[in-house]
Amino acid sequence: MPKRTFFRLDEDKRERVIRSAIEEFRANGYENAKIGTIAKNANIANGSIYQYFNDKRELFMYCVNWTIENFMRELDRQAPLAGLDLMEYIQSGVTERMAYWKQEPDLARFAHDLSIGAIGFPAGEENPAPAMYGAHIPKLIANGRKWGTIRDDVDNWLLEAAVRGIVRETEEMVYLKAEAADFSLSPEQMEENAALLRTINDILTNGLLRKGDKTD
């Protein structure tokens, strides 16, 4: 947790410090990140960082949680989870992610690297990203059950495991395509992604078997 002095800064300066730290951590990893570089890029005195945080570990963990919370808050603002079921989330939620990635490419890259475990953590600290990013899955399943769009004869654990895998792989595929285009997808690429999402929804809704195939 940052020191009180950090929260006494104006919002712009606080964000400048955090964004500078995120840039340094993503570029060089936790172990090799330099406090001096963070301070320089934030346009503050080198020693000021230690007036706001006890050490590099505390600054890093604050950046991690700030990034995840910022990301999830923005997505829920654009496509509130309370009003979505699984199918709608895959279609509109991933689309909203693409808009966010274009708006915040540096945060998008840091959030992505956290989600796949590509950034090393200080000894004794766990990466909260996988759990936090998947926290919305039970809500989407509950919405689907309530509205009758998800079958109710399958165990919640099994459903969550299947959905997490589908959502994770779908988002990873869409992310990599967007990053390759520097998050500025052409209309044709956007439609290609939209078609992919429609296909995934169709598979979830109608299954993998061809019409007329039998399972017995």
Protein backbone atom coordinates (compact mmCIF):
# COMPACT_ATOMS: atom_id res chain seq x y z
CA MET A 1 0.00 0.00 0.00
CA PRO A 2 1.44 3.43 -0.92
CA LYS A 3 2.24 5.94 1.78
CA ARG A 4 -0.17 8.76 2.57
CA THR A 5 2.09 11.19 0.77
CA PHE A 6 1.29 9.45 -2.53
CA PHE A 7 -2.44 10.04 -2.13
CA ARG A 8 -1.82 13.70 -1.31
CA LEU A 9 -0.47 14.19 -4.84
CA ASP A 10 -2.86 15.50 -7.45
CA GLU A 11 -4.40 12.82 -9.65
CA ASP A 12 -2.35 13.70 -12.72
CA LYS A 13 0.94 13.37 -10.87
CA ARG A 14 -0.08 10.08 -9.24
CA GLU A 15 -1.00 8.66 -12.63
CA ARG A 16 2.23 9.92 -14.18
CA VAL A 17 4.24 8.05 -11.55
CA ILE A 18 2.26 4.84 -12.03
CA ARG A 19 2.37 4.93 -15.81
CA SER A 20 6.11 5.58 -15.78
CA ALA A 21 6.58 2.63 -13.44
CA ILE A 22 4.42 0.37 -15.61
CA GLU A 23 6.46 1.30 -18.67
CA GLU A 24 9.72 0.47 -16.87
CA PHE A 25 8.45 -2.79 -15.35
CA ARG A 26 7.11 -4.01 -18.67
CA ALA A 27 10.27 -3.09 -20.55
CA ASN A 28 12.76 -4.58 -18.08
CA GLY A 29 10.87 -6.83 -15.68
CA TYR A 30 10.66 -6.42 -11.94
CA GLU A 31 14.23 -7.41 -11.10
CA ASN A 32 15.90 -5.15 -13.67
CA ALA A 33 13.57 -2.15 -13.41
CA LYS A 34 15.30 1.01 -12.16
CA ILE A 35 13.68 3.39 -9.70
CA GLY A 36 15.82 6.19 -11.13
CA THR A 37 14.41 5.60 -14.62
CA ILE A 38 10.87 5.62 -13.27
CA ALA A 39 11.48 8.90 -11.44
CA LYS A 40 13.13 10.47 -14.49
CA ASN A 41 10.28 9.51 -16.82
CA ALA A 42 7.74 10.77 -14.30
CA ASN A 43 9.65 14.07 -14.07
CA ILE A 44 10.15 13.82 -10.32
CA ALA A 45 13.22 13.71 -8.07
CA ASN A 46 14.85 10.29 -7.72
CA GLY A 47 14.24 10.10 -3.97
CA SER A 48 10.60 11.08 -4.30
CA ILE A 49 9.56 7.52 -5.14
CA TYR A 50 10.57 6.45 -1.63
CA GLN A 51 8.40 9.21 -0.19
CA TYR A 52 5.43 7.50 -1.86
CA PHE A 53 6.34 3.79 -1.61
CA ASN A 54 8.44 1.83 0.85
CA ASP A 55 10.32 -0.04 -1.87
CA LYS A 56 10.23 -1.27 -5.45
CA ARG A 57 8.16 -4.33 -4.50
CA GLU A 58 5.37 -2.16 -3.09
CA LEU A 59 5.40 0.07 -6.18
CA PHE A 60 5.30 -2.95 -8.50
CA MET A 61 2.36 -4.62 -6.74
CA TYR A 62 0.45 -1.34 -6.70
CA CYS A 63 1.01 -1.00 -10.46
CA VAL A 64 -0.23 -4.55 -11.02
CA ASN A 65 -3.44 -4.05 -9.07
CA TRP A 66 -4.00 -0.56 -10.49
CA THR A 67 -3.71 -1.90 -14.05
CA ILE A 68 -6.09 -4.80 -13.50
CA GLU A 69 -8.68 -2.71 -11.66
CA ASN A 70 -8.49 0.04 -14.29
CA PHE A 71 -8.93 -2.51 -17.07
CA MET A 72 -11.88 -4.33 -15.52
CA ARG A 73 -13.59 -1.09 -14.42
CA GLU A 74 -13.39 0.35 -17.93
CA LEU A 75 -14.71 -2.82 -19.54
CA ASP A 76 -17.62 -3.02 -17.12
CA ARG A 77 -18.40 0.63 -17.81
CA GLN A 78 -18.55 -0.03 -21.54
CA ALA A 79 -20.39 -3.37 -21.32
CA PRO A 80 -21.84 -3.85 -17.80
CA LEU A 81 -21.56 -7.49 -16.77
CA ALA A 82 -24.83 -7.23 -14.86
CA GLY A 83 -26.64 -6.99 -18.18
CA LEU A 84 -24.76 -9.68 -20.12
CA ASP A 85 -24.79 -13.43 -20.39
CA LEU A 86 -21.92 -15.53 -21.72
CA MET A 87 -22.82 -15.28 -25.41
CA GLU A 88 -23.29 -11.51 -25.26
CA TYR A 89 -20.02 -11.12 -23.38
CA ILE A 90 -18.02 -13.01 -25.97
CA GLN A 91 -19.54 -10.91 -28.74
CA SER A 92 -19.58 -7.46 -27.16
CA GLY A 93 -17.10 -7.82 -24.29
CA VAL A 94 -14.19 -8.79 -26.53
CA THR A 95 -15.17 -6.03 -28.96
CA GLU A 96 -15.02 -3.53 -26.10
CA ARG A 97 -11.59 -4.87 -25.22
CA MET A 98 -10.34 -3.97 -28.69
CA ALA A 99 -11.54 -0.39 -28.21
CA TYR A 100 -9.77 -0.21 -24.85
CA TRP A 101 -6.55 -1.66 -26.26
CA LYS A 102 -6.48 1.04 -28.93
CA GLN A 103 -7.09 3.75 -26.33
CA GLU A 104 -4.54 2.39 -23.81
CA PRO A 105 -1.92 0.35 -25.69
CA ASP A 106 0.73 0.47 -22.94
CA LEU A 107 -1.71 -0.69 -20.27
CA ALA A 108 -3.06 -3.29 -22.68
CA ARG A 109 0.40 -4.78 -23.17
CA PHE A 110 1.16 -4.76 -19.45
CA ALA A 111 -2.23 -6.31 -18.61
CA HIS A 112 -1.74 -8.97 -21.27
CA ASP A 113 1.74 -9.85 -20.04
CA LEU A 114 0.37 -10.15 -16.51
CA SER A 115 -2.50 -12.36 -17.64
CA ILE A 116 -0.19 -14.90 -19.31
CA GLY A 117 2.46 -14.78 -16.59
CA ALA A 118 5.11 -13.18 -18.79
CA ILE A 119 6.25 -10.76 -16.08
CA GLY A 120 8.21 -12.10 -13.13
CA PHE A 121 6.98 -11.27 -9.62
CA PRO A 122 8.95 -10.54 -6.45
CA ALA A 123 9.67 -13.59 -4.30
CA GLY A 124 6.68 -14.40 -2.10
CA GLU A 125 4.19 -12.45 -4.21
CA GLU A 126 1.51 -14.11 -6.34
CA ASN A 127 0.22 -12.83 -9.66
CA PRO A 128 -3.42 -11.79 -9.02
CA ALA A 129 -4.23 -11.26 -12.69
CA PRO A 130 -5.54 -14.72 -13.68
CA ALA A 131 -7.97 -14.86 -10.76
CA MET A 132 -9.13 -11.27 -11.15
CA TYR A 133 -9.64 -11.53 -14.90
CA GLY A 134 -11.72 -14.67 -14.43
CA ALA A 135 -13.80 -13.31 -11.56
CA HIS A 136 -16.63 -12.31 -13.92
CA ILE A 137 -17.17 -15.82 -15.31
CA PRO A 138 -19.51 -17.07 -12.50
CA LYS A 139 -21.64 -13.92 -12.92
CA LEU A 140 -22.01 -14.51 -16.67
CA ILE A 141 -22.97 -18.14 -16.08
CA ALA A 142 -25.48 -17.13 -13.39
CA ASN A 143 -27.01 -14.60 -15.78
CA GLY A 144 -27.27 -17.25 -18.48
CA ARG A 145 -28.94 -19.73 -16.14
CA LYS A 146 -31.40 -17.10 -14.95
CA TRP A 147 -32.35 -16.10 -18.49
CA GLY A 148 -32.43 -19.64 -19.84
CA THR A 149 -29.55 -19.24 -22.32
CA ILE A 150 -27.29 -21.73 -20.50
CA ARG A 151 -28.39 -25.27 -19.68
CA ASP A 152 -28.95 -25.95 -16.01
CA ASP A 153 -28.06 -29.67 -15.93
CA VAL A 154 -24.27 -29.15 -15.95
CA ASP A 155 -22.19 -28.65 -12.81
CA ASN A 156 -21.00 -25.08 -12.22
CA TRP A 157 -17.36 -26.14 -11.85
CA LEU A 158 -17.37 -27.89 -15.22
CA LEU A 159 -19.09 -24.95 -16.90
CA GLU A 160 -16.64 -22.46 -15.42
CA ALA A 161 -13.64 -24.55 -16.48
CA ALA A 162 -14.92 -24.82 -20.05
CA VAL A 163 -15.88 -21.16 -20.27
CA ARG A 164 -12.57 -19.91 -18.84
CA GLY A 165 -10.69 -21.88 -21.47
CA ILE A 166 -12.86 -20.63 -24.32
CA VAL A 167 -12.80 -17.00 -23.18
CA ARG A 168 -9.04 -17.04 -22.49
CA GLU A 169 -8.12 -18.53 -25.85
CA THR A 170 -10.56 -16.28 -27.73
CA GLU A 171 -9.25 -13.13 -26.06
CA GLU A 172 -5.64 -14.21 -26.64
CA MET A 173 -6.28 -14.79 -30.35
CA VAL A 174 -8.03 -11.45 -30.77
CA TYR A 175 -5.36 -9.65 -28.72
CA LEU A 176 -2.46 -10.98 -30.77
CA LYS A 177 -4.15 -9.94 -33.99
CA ALA A 178 -4.81 -6.46 -32.59
CA GLU A 179 -1.27 -6.04 -31.25
CA ALA A 180 0.20 -7.07 -34.60
CA ALA A 181 -1.75 -4.18 -36.12
CA ASP A 182 -0.59 -1.81 -33.34
CA PHE A 183 -4.19 -1.86 -32.05
CA SER A 184 -5.40 -0.02 -35.17
CA LEU A 185 -7.39 -2.70 -36.96
CA SER A 186 -8.83 -1.98 -40.39
CA PRO A 187 -12.60 -2.34 -40.92
CA GLU A 188 -11.88 -5.63 -42.68
CA GLN A 189 -9.88 -6.93 -39.70
CA MET A 190 -12.59 -5.81 -37.30
CA GLU A 191 -15.17 -7.73 -39.32
CA GLU A 192 -12.87 -10.76 -39.38
CA ASN A 193 -12.73 -10.71 -35.58
CA ALA A 194 -16.49 -10.18 -35.35
CA ALA A 195 -17.03 -13.21 -37.62
CA LEU A 196 -14.73 -15.27 -35.40
CA LEU A 197 -16.74 -14.31 -32.33
CA ARG A 198 -20.00 -15.19 -34.06
CA THR A 199 -18.59 -18.60 -34.98
CA ILE A 200 -17.54 -19.26 -31.38
CA ASN A 201 -20.99 -18.27 -30.16
CA ASP A 202 -22.57 -20.57 -32.75
CA ILE A 203 -20.42 -23.48 -31.56
CA LEU A 204 -21.34 -22.79 -27.94
CA THR A 205 -25.01 -22.56 -28.81
CA ASN A 206 -25.33 -25.44 -31.28
CA GLY A 207 -22.39 -27.71 -30.47
CA LEU A 208 -19.65 -29.20 -32.62
CA LEU A 209 -21.60 -31.96 -34.32
CA ARG A 210 -22.83 -31.53 -37.86
CA LYS A 211 -26.56 -31.50 -38.26
CA GLY A 212 -27.84 -35.05 -38.51
CA ASP A 213 -24.83 -36.58 -36.72
CA LYS A 214 -25.60 -38.88 -33.85
CA THR A 215 -23.67 -39.40 -30.64
CA ASP A 216 -24.84 -43.00 -30.02
